[in-house]
Amino acid sequence: MIPSPSRGTIMPLLAGCLASLAGCIVSLAGCASTVPSKFYTLTPMKASDGPPSDIPFEGGSILAVGPVRLPDYLDRPQIMTRSEGNEVRMNETERWAGSLVGDVAQVLIENLSVLLAVRSVAVVQWTPARQSMVPFRNRLEVDVLRFEGSAGGEVVLKARYALFGPDGRKVISAGESIVREPVGGTDYGALTAAMSRALAAFSREVAAAIPAR
C-alpha cells in the first residue's frame, strides 16, 4: 500500500509550483511589454540644395574624404542624446541602422559631391590602399568632437577638419566648426533630420575652404 503524502510534504511542493507559475507570468508580461526598436539613418543633401551648375564632370581634380573619426561614446548602435549640462543618455530602442561613423562619412561625401560639382571635383572615400593607386589632389580629414542633441531641443555639431595637399602631408587649410540646429519636433525622426541639416551646414563650410581648381 502506497502511503498518502503528508501535509508537510504537500505544502512545500505547492509553494514551489506557485513560485514557478508566478515567474512564468512575470516573464510573459515582460515579453509582452517590450518596446520594439526603431532604426534611423542620416540624410544627404539633395542636388537642388547645391549651387546651380550645368558643367559636366570631365575628369577634374579628386578630393578624398577620410579618415572621419567620432568619439567612442557616439560610435555605438544606440542614439545618444544630451540633457542640460553634461549628462549623455543612451536610448536602447532608438538606434542607428548601421555604423554612425560610416553614415557621417558617406553623407559628408555625398554632400561635398553636390557642393563641388560646379568645380568639377570628384569626391571619393579615402583609404590607404586607394591613395597608393589614385592621385588625389586633396584629402580631407575630419574629427567630430560632438554630435548629438535632444528631442525638442537642438542639435550641436562640433568638428575639426584639415585639408591636405597632393603630398598628403602639408595642411593647406584647417578649421573648427560649431553648428547648432533646432530640432523642431519631439521624436527621434525630427532629431536625426536636424542632425542631417547640421551635417549639411558643416559640409558647406568645408566646401568653401577647398581651393578652386
N, C-alpha and C. Protein backbone atom coordinates (compact mmCIF):
# COMPACT_ATOMS: atom_id res chain seq x y z
N MET A 1 0.85 -1.21 0.00
CA MET A 1 0.00 0.00 0.00
C MET A 1 0.88 1.25 0.00
N ILE A 2 0.57 2.19 -0.99
CA ILE A 2 1.37 3.42 -1.11
C ILE A 2 0.89 4.43 -0.07
N PRO A 3 1.80 4.91 0.76
CA PRO A 3 1.37 5.85 1.80
C PRO A 3 0.96 7.19 1.20
N SER A 4 -0.06 7.83 1.75
CA SER A 4 -0.50 9.15 1.29
C SER A 4 0.51 10.21 1.72
N PRO A 5 0.77 11.20 0.84
CA PRO A 5 1.72 12.26 1.21
C PRO A 5 1.19 13.05 2.39
N SER A 6 2.07 13.39 3.24
CA SER A 6 1.69 14.16 4.42
C SER A 6 1.52 15.62 4.08
N ARG A 7 0.86 16.34 4.98
CA ARG A 7 0.66 17.78 4.78
C ARG A 7 2.00 18.51 4.70
N GLY A 8 2.98 18.01 5.48
CA GLY A 8 4.29 18.66 5.47
C GLY A 8 5.01 18.49 4.15
N THR A 9 4.66 17.43 3.40
CA THR A 9 5.28 17.22 2.09
C THR A 9 4.56 18.00 1.00
N ILE A 10 3.23 18.07 1.07
CA ILE A 10 2.44 18.73 0.02
C ILE A 10 2.68 20.23 0.00
N MET A 11 2.75 20.86 1.14
CA MET A 11 2.84 22.32 1.20
C MET A 11 4.09 22.87 0.51
N PRO A 12 5.28 22.30 0.76
CA PRO A 12 6.46 22.81 0.03
C PRO A 12 6.35 22.61 -1.47
N LEU A 13 5.77 21.45 -1.91
CA LEU A 13 5.61 21.22 -3.34
C LEU A 13 4.67 22.25 -3.96
N LEU A 14 3.56 22.52 -3.27
CA LEU A 14 2.60 23.50 -3.77
C LEU A 14 3.22 24.89 -3.84
N ALA A 15 4.00 25.24 -2.83
CA ALA A 15 4.65 26.56 -2.82
C ALA A 15 5.62 26.69 -3.99
N GLY A 16 6.36 25.59 -4.26
CA GLY A 16 7.30 25.62 -5.37
C GLY A 16 6.60 25.79 -6.70
N CYS A 17 5.47 25.09 -6.90
CA CYS A 17 4.72 25.21 -8.14
C CYS A 17 4.18 26.62 -8.34
N LEU A 18 3.65 27.20 -7.24
CA LEU A 18 3.12 28.56 -7.33
C LEU A 18 4.22 29.56 -7.67
N ALA A 19 5.40 29.36 -7.09
CA ALA A 19 6.52 30.26 -7.38
C ALA A 19 6.93 30.17 -8.84
N SER A 20 6.98 28.95 -9.38
CA SER A 20 7.34 28.76 -10.79
C SER A 20 6.30 29.41 -11.70
N LEU A 21 5.01 29.24 -11.35
CA LEU A 21 3.94 29.83 -12.15
C LEU A 21 4.03 31.35 -12.14
N ALA A 22 4.32 31.92 -10.97
CA ALA A 22 4.44 33.37 -10.86
C ALA A 22 5.61 33.87 -11.71
N GLY A 23 6.72 33.11 -11.70
CA GLY A 23 7.87 33.50 -12.51
C GLY A 23 7.55 33.49 -14.00
N CYS A 24 6.79 32.50 -14.45
CA CYS A 24 6.41 32.42 -15.86
C CYS A 24 5.52 33.59 -16.25
N ILE A 25 4.57 33.94 -15.35
CA ILE A 25 3.67 35.05 -15.64
C ILE A 25 4.44 36.36 -15.76
N VAL A 26 5.40 36.58 -14.86
CA VAL A 26 6.21 37.80 -14.91
C VAL A 26 7.02 37.84 -16.18
N SER A 27 7.59 36.68 -16.55
CA SER A 27 8.40 36.62 -17.76
C SER A 27 7.57 36.92 -19.00
N LEU A 28 6.37 36.35 -19.07
CA LEU A 28 5.49 36.60 -20.21
C LEU A 28 5.05 38.06 -20.26
N ALA A 29 4.80 38.64 -19.10
CA ALA A 29 4.39 40.04 -19.05
C ALA A 29 5.52 40.93 -19.55
N GLY A 30 6.76 40.56 -19.19
CA GLY A 30 7.90 41.35 -19.65
C GLY A 30 8.05 41.28 -21.16
N CYS A 31 7.86 40.10 -21.74
CA CYS A 31 7.95 39.95 -23.19
C CYS A 31 6.86 40.74 -23.89
N ALA A 32 5.66 40.73 -23.31
CA ALA A 32 4.54 41.43 -23.94
C ALA A 32 4.73 42.94 -23.91
N SER A 33 5.48 43.45 -22.94
CA SER A 33 5.63 44.89 -22.80
C SER A 33 6.91 45.43 -23.45
N THR A 34 7.70 44.57 -24.10
CA THR A 34 8.94 45.02 -24.74
C THR A 34 8.63 45.96 -25.89
N VAL A 35 9.28 47.12 -25.91
CA VAL A 35 9.07 48.11 -26.97
C VAL A 35 10.00 47.78 -28.13
N PRO A 36 9.50 47.64 -29.36
CA PRO A 36 10.36 47.32 -30.49
C PRO A 36 11.31 48.48 -30.81
N SER A 37 12.49 48.15 -31.27
CA SER A 37 13.48 49.18 -31.62
C SER A 37 13.13 49.87 -32.93
N LYS A 38 13.51 51.12 -33.05
CA LYS A 38 13.38 51.87 -34.30
C LYS A 38 14.78 52.21 -34.79
N PHE A 39 14.94 52.26 -36.13
CA PHE A 39 16.26 52.46 -36.71
C PHE A 39 16.25 53.68 -37.63
N TYR A 40 17.36 54.44 -37.59
CA TYR A 40 17.43 55.70 -38.31
C TYR A 40 18.76 55.81 -39.08
N THR A 41 18.74 56.65 -40.12
CA THR A 41 19.95 56.99 -40.85
C THR A 41 19.98 58.51 -41.06
N LEU A 42 21.16 59.03 -41.36
CA LEU A 42 21.29 60.43 -41.74
C LEU A 42 20.97 60.57 -43.22
N THR A 43 20.55 61.77 -43.61
CA THR A 43 20.13 62.01 -44.99
C THR A 43 21.06 63.02 -45.66
N PRO A 44 21.56 62.71 -46.86
CA PRO A 44 22.41 63.67 -47.56
C PRO A 44 21.60 64.81 -48.17
N MET A 45 22.30 65.83 -48.61
CA MET A 45 21.68 66.94 -49.29
C MET A 45 21.10 66.49 -50.63
N LYS A 46 20.09 67.20 -51.11
CA LYS A 46 19.57 66.99 -52.45
C LYS A 46 20.42 67.78 -53.44
N ALA A 47 20.42 67.35 -54.68
CA ALA A 47 21.18 68.06 -55.71
C ALA A 47 20.71 69.51 -55.83
N SER A 48 19.42 69.74 -55.60
CA SER A 48 18.87 71.09 -55.70
C SER A 48 19.36 72.00 -54.58
N ASP A 49 19.95 71.42 -53.51
CA ASP A 49 20.46 72.24 -52.41
C ASP A 49 21.85 72.78 -52.70
N GLY A 50 22.49 72.30 -53.75
CA GLY A 50 23.83 72.76 -54.09
C GLY A 50 23.77 73.96 -55.02
N PRO A 51 24.94 74.50 -55.38
CA PRO A 51 24.97 75.64 -56.30
C PRO A 51 24.52 75.21 -57.69
N PRO A 52 23.86 76.10 -58.44
CA PRO A 52 23.42 75.74 -59.79
C PRO A 52 24.62 75.45 -60.69
N SER A 53 24.52 74.39 -61.47
CA SER A 53 25.63 74.02 -62.33
C SER A 53 25.13 73.23 -63.53
N ASP A 54 25.60 73.60 -64.71
CA ASP A 54 25.34 72.80 -65.90
C ASP A 54 26.67 72.37 -66.53
N ILE A 55 27.74 72.37 -65.69
CA ILE A 55 29.06 71.98 -66.16
C ILE A 55 29.22 70.49 -65.96
N PRO A 56 29.41 69.71 -67.02
CA PRO A 56 29.60 68.27 -66.84
C PRO A 56 30.97 67.96 -66.27
N PHE A 57 31.06 66.86 -65.54
CA PHE A 57 32.35 66.46 -64.98
C PHE A 57 33.23 65.89 -66.09
N GLU A 58 34.43 66.40 -66.23
CA GLU A 58 35.34 65.98 -67.29
C GLU A 58 36.69 65.62 -66.71
N GLY A 59 36.66 64.81 -65.68
CA GLY A 59 37.93 64.34 -65.12
C GLY A 59 38.70 65.41 -64.39
N GLY A 60 38.02 66.18 -63.58
CA GLY A 60 38.69 67.23 -62.82
C GLY A 60 39.47 66.64 -61.66
N SER A 61 39.73 67.46 -60.65
CA SER A 61 40.52 67.01 -59.51
C SER A 61 39.70 66.09 -58.62
N ILE A 62 40.42 65.35 -57.77
CA ILE A 62 39.78 64.37 -56.88
C ILE A 62 40.04 64.76 -55.43
N LEU A 63 38.96 64.79 -54.64
CA LEU A 63 39.05 65.02 -53.21
C LEU A 63 38.73 63.72 -52.49
N ALA A 64 39.64 63.27 -51.66
CA ALA A 64 39.42 62.06 -50.87
C ALA A 64 39.02 62.47 -49.46
N VAL A 65 37.97 61.87 -48.94
CA VAL A 65 37.48 62.18 -47.60
C VAL A 65 37.81 61.02 -46.66
N GLY A 66 38.61 61.32 -45.64
CA GLY A 66 38.94 60.29 -44.65
C GLY A 66 40.33 60.50 -44.08
N PRO A 67 40.58 59.93 -42.93
CA PRO A 67 39.57 59.25 -42.11
C PRO A 67 38.63 60.25 -41.42
N VAL A 68 37.42 59.77 -41.13
CA VAL A 68 36.45 60.52 -40.33
C VAL A 68 36.37 59.81 -38.98
N ARG A 69 36.56 60.57 -37.91
CA ARG A 69 36.59 59.96 -36.57
C ARG A 69 35.51 60.56 -35.68
N LEU A 70 34.95 59.70 -34.83
CA LEU A 70 33.95 60.11 -33.83
C LEU A 70 34.42 59.69 -32.45
N PRO A 71 33.98 60.39 -31.40
CA PRO A 71 34.28 59.94 -30.03
C PRO A 71 33.68 58.56 -29.79
N ASP A 72 34.31 57.80 -28.90
CA ASP A 72 33.83 56.45 -28.61
C ASP A 72 32.39 56.44 -28.11
N TYR A 73 32.00 57.46 -27.35
CA TYR A 73 30.66 57.43 -26.77
C TYR A 73 29.57 57.61 -27.82
N LEU A 74 29.94 58.13 -29.00
CA LEU A 74 28.96 58.29 -30.07
C LEU A 74 28.94 57.11 -31.03
N ASP A 75 30.07 56.45 -31.18
CA ASP A 75 30.18 55.39 -32.17
C ASP A 75 29.66 54.06 -31.60
N ARG A 76 28.35 54.00 -31.47
CA ARG A 76 27.68 52.82 -30.92
C ARG A 76 26.30 52.72 -31.57
N PRO A 77 25.64 51.56 -31.48
CA PRO A 77 24.34 51.42 -32.16
C PRO A 77 23.25 52.34 -31.63
N GLN A 78 23.25 52.63 -30.34
CA GLN A 78 22.18 53.44 -29.75
C GLN A 78 22.38 54.93 -30.07
N ILE A 79 21.29 55.63 -30.26
CA ILE A 79 21.35 57.08 -30.45
C ILE A 79 21.56 57.74 -29.09
N MET A 80 22.56 58.60 -29.03
CA MET A 80 22.88 59.30 -27.79
C MET A 80 22.23 60.68 -27.80
N THR A 81 21.67 61.08 -26.67
CA THR A 81 21.13 62.42 -26.52
C THR A 81 21.79 63.09 -25.32
N ARG A 82 21.73 64.40 -25.29
CA ARG A 82 22.35 65.15 -24.20
C ARG A 82 21.31 66.03 -23.54
N SER A 83 21.24 65.96 -22.24
CA SER A 83 20.32 66.81 -21.49
C SER A 83 21.05 68.08 -21.10
N GLU A 84 20.42 68.88 -20.28
CA GLU A 84 21.07 70.09 -19.79
C GLU A 84 22.34 69.72 -19.03
N GLY A 85 23.42 70.40 -19.33
CA GLY A 85 24.67 70.11 -18.64
C GLY A 85 25.47 69.06 -19.39
N ASN A 86 26.08 68.15 -18.64
CA ASN A 86 26.99 67.18 -19.23
C ASN A 86 26.43 65.76 -19.26
N GLU A 87 25.16 65.56 -18.95
CA GLU A 87 24.60 64.21 -18.93
C GLU A 87 24.28 63.74 -20.34
N VAL A 88 24.83 62.58 -20.70
CA VAL A 88 24.57 61.96 -22.00
C VAL A 88 23.77 60.69 -21.76
N ARG A 89 22.71 60.51 -22.53
CA ARG A 89 21.82 59.38 -22.32
C ARG A 89 21.84 58.45 -23.53
N MET A 90 21.81 57.14 -23.23
CA MET A 90 21.78 56.11 -24.26
C MET A 90 20.35 55.60 -24.41
N ASN A 91 19.87 55.56 -25.64
CA ASN A 91 18.49 55.16 -25.89
C ASN A 91 18.48 53.78 -26.54
N GLU A 92 18.07 52.78 -25.77
CA GLU A 92 18.18 51.40 -26.22
C GLU A 92 17.26 51.08 -27.39
N THR A 93 16.11 51.71 -27.49
CA THR A 93 15.16 51.36 -28.56
C THR A 93 15.26 52.29 -29.77
N GLU A 94 16.03 53.36 -29.68
CA GLU A 94 16.22 54.29 -30.80
C GLU A 94 17.66 54.12 -31.29
N ARG A 95 17.84 53.50 -32.45
CA ARG A 95 19.16 53.05 -32.87
C ARG A 95 19.50 53.50 -34.30
N TRP A 96 20.79 53.50 -34.56
CA TRP A 96 21.26 53.74 -35.92
C TRP A 96 21.12 52.47 -36.72
N ALA A 97 20.75 52.61 -37.99
CA ALA A 97 20.58 51.45 -38.85
C ALA A 97 21.92 50.79 -39.18
N GLY A 98 23.00 51.54 -39.10
CA GLY A 98 24.33 51.00 -39.34
C GLY A 98 25.33 51.67 -38.43
N SER A 99 26.56 51.81 -38.90
CA SER A 99 27.60 52.49 -38.14
C SER A 99 27.43 54.00 -38.28
N LEU A 100 27.39 54.72 -37.17
CA LEU A 100 27.24 56.17 -37.25
C LEU A 100 28.44 56.81 -37.93
N VAL A 101 29.65 56.36 -37.62
CA VAL A 101 30.84 56.96 -38.24
C VAL A 101 30.82 56.71 -39.75
N GLY A 102 30.36 55.52 -40.17
CA GLY A 102 30.25 55.26 -41.60
C GLY A 102 29.18 56.10 -42.25
N ASP A 103 28.07 56.33 -41.54
CA ASP A 103 26.98 57.15 -42.04
C ASP A 103 27.42 58.60 -42.19
N VAL A 104 28.12 59.12 -41.20
CA VAL A 104 28.62 60.50 -41.27
C VAL A 104 29.57 60.66 -42.46
N ALA A 105 30.49 59.72 -42.62
CA ALA A 105 31.46 59.80 -43.72
C ALA A 105 30.75 59.75 -45.07
N GLN A 106 29.80 58.84 -45.22
CA GLN A 106 29.12 58.71 -46.51
C GLN A 106 28.28 59.93 -46.83
N VAL A 107 27.55 60.47 -45.85
CA VAL A 107 26.74 61.66 -46.09
C VAL A 107 27.63 62.86 -46.39
N LEU A 108 28.77 62.96 -45.72
CA LEU A 108 29.70 64.05 -45.99
C LEU A 108 30.22 63.96 -47.43
N ILE A 109 30.53 62.76 -47.89
CA ILE A 109 30.99 62.56 -49.27
C ILE A 109 29.90 62.97 -50.26
N GLU A 110 28.67 62.55 -50.00
CA GLU A 110 27.57 62.89 -50.91
C GLU A 110 27.29 64.39 -50.90
N ASN A 111 27.34 65.02 -49.73
CA ASN A 111 27.12 66.47 -49.65
C ASN A 111 28.19 67.23 -50.43
N LEU A 112 29.44 66.87 -50.23
CA LEU A 112 30.53 67.56 -50.91
C LEU A 112 30.48 67.31 -52.42
N SER A 113 30.02 66.14 -52.81
CA SER A 113 29.85 65.87 -54.24
C SER A 113 28.87 66.84 -54.87
N VAL A 114 27.78 67.12 -54.15
CA VAL A 114 26.79 68.08 -54.63
C VAL A 114 27.37 69.49 -54.66
N LEU A 115 28.05 69.88 -53.59
CA LEU A 115 28.54 71.24 -53.46
C LEU A 115 29.71 71.55 -54.39
N LEU A 116 30.52 70.54 -54.71
CA LEU A 116 31.72 70.77 -55.52
C LEU A 116 31.54 70.36 -56.98
N ALA A 117 30.34 69.95 -57.35
CA ALA A 117 30.11 69.56 -58.74
C ALA A 117 30.38 70.72 -59.70
N VAL A 118 30.07 71.94 -59.25
CA VAL A 118 30.28 73.11 -60.10
C VAL A 118 31.76 73.33 -60.39
N ARG A 119 32.65 72.78 -59.56
CA ARG A 119 34.09 72.93 -59.78
C ARG A 119 34.72 71.68 -60.40
N SER A 120 33.90 70.77 -60.85
CA SER A 120 34.38 69.51 -61.45
C SER A 120 35.32 68.77 -60.51
N VAL A 121 34.93 68.68 -59.25
CA VAL A 121 35.71 67.95 -58.26
C VAL A 121 34.97 66.64 -57.95
N ALA A 122 35.64 65.53 -58.12
CA ALA A 122 35.07 64.23 -57.75
C ALA A 122 35.44 63.94 -56.31
N VAL A 123 34.47 63.50 -55.53
CA VAL A 123 34.69 63.23 -54.11
C VAL A 123 34.59 61.72 -53.90
N VAL A 124 35.62 61.14 -53.28
CA VAL A 124 35.65 59.70 -53.04
C VAL A 124 36.02 59.44 -51.59
N GLN A 125 35.81 58.21 -51.16
CA GLN A 125 36.21 57.83 -49.81
C GLN A 125 37.69 57.47 -49.80
N TRP A 126 38.40 57.99 -48.80
CA TRP A 126 39.84 57.73 -48.69
C TRP A 126 40.09 56.40 -47.99
N THR A 127 41.05 55.67 -48.52
CA THR A 127 41.63 54.51 -47.84
C THR A 127 43.12 54.52 -48.14
N PRO A 128 43.96 53.96 -47.28
CA PRO A 128 45.39 53.93 -47.57
C PRO A 128 45.70 53.22 -48.89
N ALA A 129 44.96 52.15 -49.18
CA ALA A 129 45.20 51.43 -50.42
C ALA A 129 44.84 52.28 -51.63
N ARG A 130 43.73 53.00 -51.54
CA ARG A 130 43.30 53.83 -52.67
C ARG A 130 44.27 54.97 -52.91
N GLN A 131 44.87 55.51 -51.86
CA GLN A 131 45.80 56.62 -52.02
C GLN A 131 47.02 56.21 -52.85
N SER A 132 47.42 54.95 -52.73
CA SER A 132 48.57 54.50 -53.49
C SER A 132 48.24 54.27 -54.97
N MET A 133 46.92 54.23 -55.30
CA MET A 133 46.52 53.97 -56.67
C MET A 133 45.97 55.19 -57.39
N VAL A 134 45.38 56.14 -56.64
CA VAL A 134 44.69 57.29 -57.25
C VAL A 134 45.41 58.57 -56.86
N PRO A 135 45.73 59.43 -57.82
CA PRO A 135 46.39 60.70 -57.49
C PRO A 135 45.40 61.74 -56.98
N PHE A 136 45.19 61.77 -55.66
CA PHE A 136 44.29 62.75 -55.08
C PHE A 136 44.93 64.14 -55.16
N ARG A 137 44.10 65.13 -55.45
CA ARG A 137 44.60 66.49 -55.35
C ARG A 137 44.59 66.94 -53.90
N ASN A 138 43.53 66.56 -53.18
CA ASN A 138 43.40 66.92 -51.77
C ASN A 138 42.83 65.75 -50.99
N ARG A 139 43.12 65.75 -49.70
CA ARG A 139 42.49 64.79 -48.79
C ARG A 139 41.94 65.55 -47.60
N LEU A 140 40.70 65.24 -47.23
CA LEU A 140 40.02 65.91 -46.13
C LEU A 140 39.93 64.96 -44.95
N GLU A 141 40.45 65.38 -43.83
CA GLU A 141 40.40 64.60 -42.60
C GLU A 141 39.47 65.31 -41.61
N VAL A 142 38.58 64.57 -40.97
CA VAL A 142 37.56 65.17 -40.10
C VAL A 142 37.55 64.48 -38.75
N ASP A 143 37.58 65.28 -37.69
CA ASP A 143 37.42 64.79 -36.32
C ASP A 143 36.16 65.41 -35.74
N VAL A 144 35.15 64.58 -35.54
CA VAL A 144 33.91 65.04 -34.92
C VAL A 144 34.10 64.99 -33.41
N LEU A 145 33.96 66.10 -32.75
CA LEU A 145 34.14 66.18 -31.30
C LEU A 145 32.83 66.01 -30.54
N ARG A 146 31.76 66.46 -31.15
CA ARG A 146 30.44 66.35 -30.52
C ARG A 146 29.38 66.35 -31.62
N PHE A 147 28.40 65.46 -31.48
CA PHE A 147 27.34 65.39 -32.48
C PHE A 147 26.12 64.70 -31.85
N GLU A 148 25.36 65.48 -31.11
CA GLU A 148 24.15 64.95 -30.50
C GLU A 148 23.24 66.11 -30.13
N GLY A 149 22.06 65.80 -29.67
CA GLY A 149 21.12 66.84 -29.28
C GLY A 149 20.05 66.25 -28.39
N SER A 150 18.91 66.89 -28.35
CA SER A 150 17.79 66.40 -27.55
C SER A 150 16.51 66.62 -28.33
N ALA A 151 15.60 65.66 -28.22
CA ALA A 151 14.31 65.79 -28.88
C ALA A 151 13.59 67.02 -28.34
N GLY A 152 13.17 67.89 -29.24
CA GLY A 152 12.51 69.12 -28.83
C GLY A 152 13.48 70.25 -28.52
N GLY A 153 14.79 69.97 -28.55
CA GLY A 153 15.79 70.99 -28.25
C GLY A 153 16.57 71.38 -29.49
N GLU A 154 17.90 71.19 -29.45
CA GLU A 154 18.73 71.50 -30.60
C GLU A 154 19.84 70.47 -30.74
N VAL A 155 20.35 70.36 -31.94
CA VAL A 155 21.50 69.51 -32.23
C VAL A 155 22.74 70.38 -32.26
N VAL A 156 23.82 69.88 -31.69
CA VAL A 156 25.10 70.58 -31.73
C VAL A 156 26.11 69.68 -32.42
N LEU A 157 26.72 70.19 -33.49
CA LEU A 157 27.80 69.50 -34.19
C LEU A 157 29.06 70.34 -34.04
N LYS A 158 30.07 69.75 -33.41
CA LYS A 158 31.37 70.40 -33.28
C LYS A 158 32.41 69.50 -33.93
N ALA A 159 33.12 70.03 -34.90
CA ALA A 159 34.06 69.20 -35.65
C ALA A 159 35.25 70.03 -36.11
N ARG A 160 36.38 69.35 -36.24
CA ARG A 160 37.59 69.95 -36.81
C ARG A 160 37.89 69.26 -38.14
N TYR A 161 38.43 70.03 -39.07
CA TYR A 161 38.81 69.45 -40.35
C TYR A 161 40.18 69.95 -40.76
N ALA A 162 40.86 69.16 -41.56
CA ALA A 162 42.16 69.53 -42.11
C ALA A 162 42.19 69.08 -43.57
N LEU A 163 42.59 69.98 -44.46
CA LEU A 163 42.69 69.70 -45.88
C LEU A 163 44.16 69.60 -46.26
N PHE A 164 44.54 68.44 -46.76
CA PHE A 164 45.93 68.18 -47.12
C PHE A 164 46.14 68.34 -48.62
N GLY A 165 47.36 68.70 -48.98
CA GLY A 165 47.72 68.85 -50.38
C GLY A 165 48.02 67.52 -51.05
N PRO A 166 48.51 67.57 -52.30
CA PRO A 166 48.76 66.34 -53.06
C PRO A 166 49.75 65.39 -52.41
N ASP A 167 50.68 65.93 -51.62
CA ASP A 167 51.66 65.04 -50.99
C ASP A 167 51.09 64.30 -49.78
N GLY A 168 49.89 64.70 -49.34
CA GLY A 168 49.25 64.02 -48.22
C GLY A 168 49.77 64.43 -46.87
N ARG A 169 50.72 65.35 -46.82
CA ARG A 169 51.32 65.74 -45.54
C ARG A 169 51.13 67.23 -45.22
N LYS A 170 51.22 68.07 -46.23
CA LYS A 170 51.11 69.51 -46.00
C LYS A 170 49.65 69.93 -45.84
N VAL A 171 49.35 70.60 -44.72
CA VAL A 171 48.00 71.09 -44.47
C VAL A 171 47.85 72.44 -45.17
N ILE A 172 46.89 72.53 -46.08
CA ILE A 172 46.69 73.79 -46.80
C ILE A 172 45.47 74.56 -46.27
N SER A 173 44.65 73.90 -45.48
CA SER A 173 43.50 74.59 -44.86
C SER A 173 43.04 73.77 -43.68
N ALA A 174 42.63 74.45 -42.61
CA ALA A 174 42.15 73.76 -41.42
C ALA A 174 41.18 74.67 -40.68
N GLY A 175 40.30 74.08 -39.92
CA GLY A 175 39.36 74.89 -39.17
C GLY A 175 38.55 74.06 -38.20
N GLU A 176 37.81 74.76 -37.37
CA GLU A 176 36.89 74.12 -36.42
C GLU A 176 35.54 74.77 -36.57
N SER A 177 34.51 73.97 -36.58
CA SER A 177 33.16 74.46 -36.82
C SER A 177 32.23 74.01 -35.70
N ILE A 178 31.34 74.90 -35.29
CA ILE A 178 30.27 74.56 -34.35
C ILE A 178 28.95 74.94 -35.01
N VAL A 179 28.11 73.96 -35.23
CA VAL A 179 26.82 74.18 -35.87
C VAL A 179 25.72 73.84 -34.87
N ARG A 180 24.75 74.71 -34.74
CA ARG A 180 23.59 74.47 -33.89
C ARG A 180 22.34 74.47 -34.77
N GLU A 181 21.55 73.44 -34.63
CA GLU A 181 20.37 73.28 -35.48
C GLU A 181 19.16 72.93 -34.61
N PRO A 182 18.11 73.77 -34.64
CA PRO A 182 16.91 73.43 -33.85
C PRO A 182 16.26 72.15 -34.38
N VAL A 183 15.78 71.33 -33.45
CA VAL A 183 15.19 70.05 -33.83
C VAL A 183 13.79 70.24 -34.42
N GLY A 184 12.99 71.06 -33.78
CA GLY A 184 11.67 71.34 -34.33
C GLY A 184 10.66 70.22 -34.18
N GLY A 185 10.92 69.28 -33.29
CA GLY A 185 9.99 68.18 -33.05
C GLY A 185 10.42 67.43 -31.81
N THR A 186 9.57 66.54 -31.33
CA THR A 186 9.86 65.85 -30.08
C THR A 186 10.18 64.37 -30.27
N ASP A 187 10.25 63.90 -31.52
CA ASP A 187 10.57 62.49 -31.74
C ASP A 187 11.97 62.36 -32.34
N TYR A 188 12.42 61.11 -32.47
CA TYR A 188 13.78 60.88 -32.95
C TYR A 188 13.90 61.04 -34.46
N GLY A 189 12.79 60.97 -35.18
CA GLY A 189 12.83 61.30 -36.59
C GLY A 189 13.21 62.76 -36.79
N ALA A 190 12.62 63.64 -35.99
CA ALA A 190 12.96 65.06 -36.06
C ALA A 190 14.40 65.30 -35.62
N LEU A 191 14.85 64.55 -34.61
CA LEU A 191 16.22 64.70 -34.12
C LEU A 191 17.24 64.33 -35.19
N THR A 192 17.05 63.17 -35.84
CA THR A 192 18.01 62.75 -36.85
C THR A 192 17.94 63.63 -38.11
N ALA A 193 16.76 64.18 -38.41
CA ALA A 193 16.64 65.12 -39.52
C ALA A 193 17.44 66.39 -39.22
N ALA A 194 17.39 66.85 -37.97
CA ALA A 194 18.16 68.03 -37.58
C ALA A 194 19.66 67.74 -37.63
N MET A 195 20.05 66.51 -37.27
CA MET A 195 21.46 66.12 -37.37
C MET A 195 21.91 66.14 -38.83
N SER A 196 21.05 65.73 -39.75
CA SER A 196 21.36 65.77 -41.17
C SER A 196 21.55 67.20 -41.65
N ARG A 197 20.69 68.10 -41.18
CA ARG A 197 20.81 69.51 -41.57
C ARG A 197 22.10 70.12 -41.02
N ALA A 198 22.46 69.75 -39.79
CA ALA A 198 23.70 70.25 -39.20
C ALA A 198 24.91 69.76 -40.00
N LEU A 199 24.88 68.52 -40.44
CA LEU A 199 25.97 67.98 -41.24
C LEU A 199 26.04 68.66 -42.60
N ALA A 200 24.89 69.04 -43.15
CA ALA A 200 24.86 69.79 -44.41
C ALA A 200 25.50 71.16 -44.24
N ALA A 201 25.20 71.84 -43.13
CA ALA A 201 25.81 73.15 -42.87
C ALA A 201 27.32 73.03 -42.71
N PHE A 202 27.77 72.00 -42.02
CA PHE A 202 29.22 71.76 -41.88
C PHE A 202 29.84 71.48 -43.25
N SER A 203 29.15 70.73 -44.09
CA SER A 203 29.65 70.43 -45.43
C SER A 203 29.85 71.71 -46.23
N ARG A 204 28.94 72.66 -46.09
CA ARG A 204 29.07 73.93 -46.82
C ARG A 204 30.30 74.71 -46.36
N GLU A 205 30.56 74.69 -45.05
CA GLU A 205 31.75 75.37 -44.55
C GLU A 205 33.03 74.74 -45.09
N VAL A 206 33.04 73.41 -45.12
CA VAL A 206 34.22 72.70 -45.62
C VAL A 206 34.39 72.96 -47.12
N ALA A 207 33.31 72.92 -47.88
CA ALA A 207 33.38 73.15 -49.33
C ALA A 207 33.94 74.54 -49.63
N ALA A 208 33.56 75.52 -48.81
CA ALA A 208 34.06 76.89 -49.03
C ALA A 208 35.56 76.99 -48.77
N ALA A 209 36.11 76.08 -47.97
CA ALA A 209 37.54 76.12 -47.64
C ALA A 209 38.41 75.38 -48.67
N ILE A 210 37.77 74.67 -49.58
CA ILE A 210 38.53 73.91 -50.58
C ILE A 210 38.87 74.84 -51.74
N PRO A 211 40.13 74.98 -52.11
CA PRO A 211 40.52 75.92 -53.16
C PRO A 211 39.96 75.52 -54.52
N ALA A 212 39.74 76.51 -55.36
CA ALA A 212 39.24 76.25 -56.71
C ALA A 212 40.29 75.52 -57.52
N ARG A 213 39.85 74.87 -58.56
CA ARG A 213 40.74 74.08 -59.41
C ARG A 213 41.80 74.97 -60.05
